[in-house]
Protein backbone atom coordinates (compact mmCIF):
# COMPACT_ATOMS: atom_id res chain seq x y z
CA ARG A 1 0.18 -15.99 -4.60
CA ILE A 2 3.41 -18.22 -3.53
CA PHE A 3 2.20 -18.20 0.26
CA VAL A 4 -1.80 -18.25 -0.08
CA GLY A 5 -2.49 -19.54 -3.44
CA TYR A 6 -4.98 -18.21 -5.94
CA ASP A 7 -8.00 -17.91 -3.74
CA ASN A 8 -8.95 -14.07 -3.88
CA ARG A 9 -10.98 -14.62 -0.58
CA VAL A 10 -7.76 -15.26 1.13
CA LEU A 11 -5.37 -13.16 -1.38
CA ILE A 12 -6.74 -9.75 -0.80
CA PRO A 13 -6.95 -9.64 2.78
CA VAL A 14 -3.36 -11.07 3.31
CA SER A 15 -2.07 -8.51 0.68
CA ALA A 16 -3.75 -5.69 2.75
CA LEU A 17 -2.21 -7.13 5.87
CA LEU A 18 1.28 -7.40 4.23
CA GLY A 19 0.88 -3.87 2.68
CA SER A 20 0.16 -2.32 6.04
CA ILE A 21 2.84 -4.16 7.93
CA PHE A 22 5.27 -2.84 5.02
CA THR A 23 4.20 0.46 5.64
CA LEU A 24 4.23 0.21 9.32
CA PHE A 25 7.97 -0.88 8.93
CA CYS A 26 8.86 1.90 6.78
CA ASP A 27 7.26 4.49 9.12
CA LEU A 28 9.35 3.24 11.85
CA LEU A 29 12.56 3.09 9.92
CA ALA A 30 11.77 6.80 9.04
CA ARG A 31 11.37 7.74 12.26
CA VAL A 32 14.48 6.00 13.96
CA ILE A 33 17.08 6.24 11.34
CA PHE A 34 17.80 9.95 12.01
CA ALA A 35 16.33 10.34 15.39
CA PRO A 36 15.77 14.08 16.04
CA TYR A 37 14.70 14.53 12.47
CA GLU A 38 11.94 12.49 10.46
CA ILE A 39 12.30 11.13 6.83
CA PRO A 40 9.23 11.15 4.53
CA VAL A 41 8.05 7.40 4.45
CA GLY A 42 7.98 7.62 0.88
CA ILE A 43 11.41 7.87 0.35
CA ILE A 44 11.89 4.68 2.90
CA MET A 45 9.38 2.67 0.61
CA SER A 46 11.10 3.97 -2.37
CA PHE A 47 14.50 2.78 -1.25
CA LEU A 48 13.13 -0.55 -0.27
CA GLY A 49 10.25 -1.37 -2.76
CA GLY A 50 12.32 0.11 -5.88
CA PRO A 51 14.90 -2.71 -6.28
CA PHE A 52 12.33 -5.30 -5.53
CA PHE A 53 9.91 -4.00 -8.15
CA ILE A 54 12.93 -3.86 -10.40
CA TYR A 55 13.64 -7.57 -9.53
CA LEU A 56 9.93 -8.52 -10.29
CA LEU A 57 10.15 -6.87 -13.64
CA ILE A 58 13.26 -8.81 -14.55
CA LYS A 59 12.09 -11.82 -13.35
CA GLY A 60 8.65 -11.55 -15.25
CA ASN A 61 10.73 -10.87 -18.45
CA ARG A 62 12.78 -14.27 -17.82
CA GLY A 63 16.04 -12.21 -17.29
CA GLN A 64 15.98 -10.60 -20.69
CA LEU A 65 15.75 -6.84 -20.63
CA TYR A 66 15.97 -6.47 -24.47
CA ASP A 67 13.77 -8.64 -26.75
């Protein structure tokens, strides 16, 4: 919403595009990190997306974990 605003006609396609780009990036990392072996894409996505999700939870709660 920061980049494209609140218009759902733009927000939904941009979200789908960014989600697919993130998935492709994680798939590329999963194939390249340990070259002869492949890591499941979900592991890479959780390592990259997990901390970001926790950041969003803390930011949405205005920095207060316990209220």
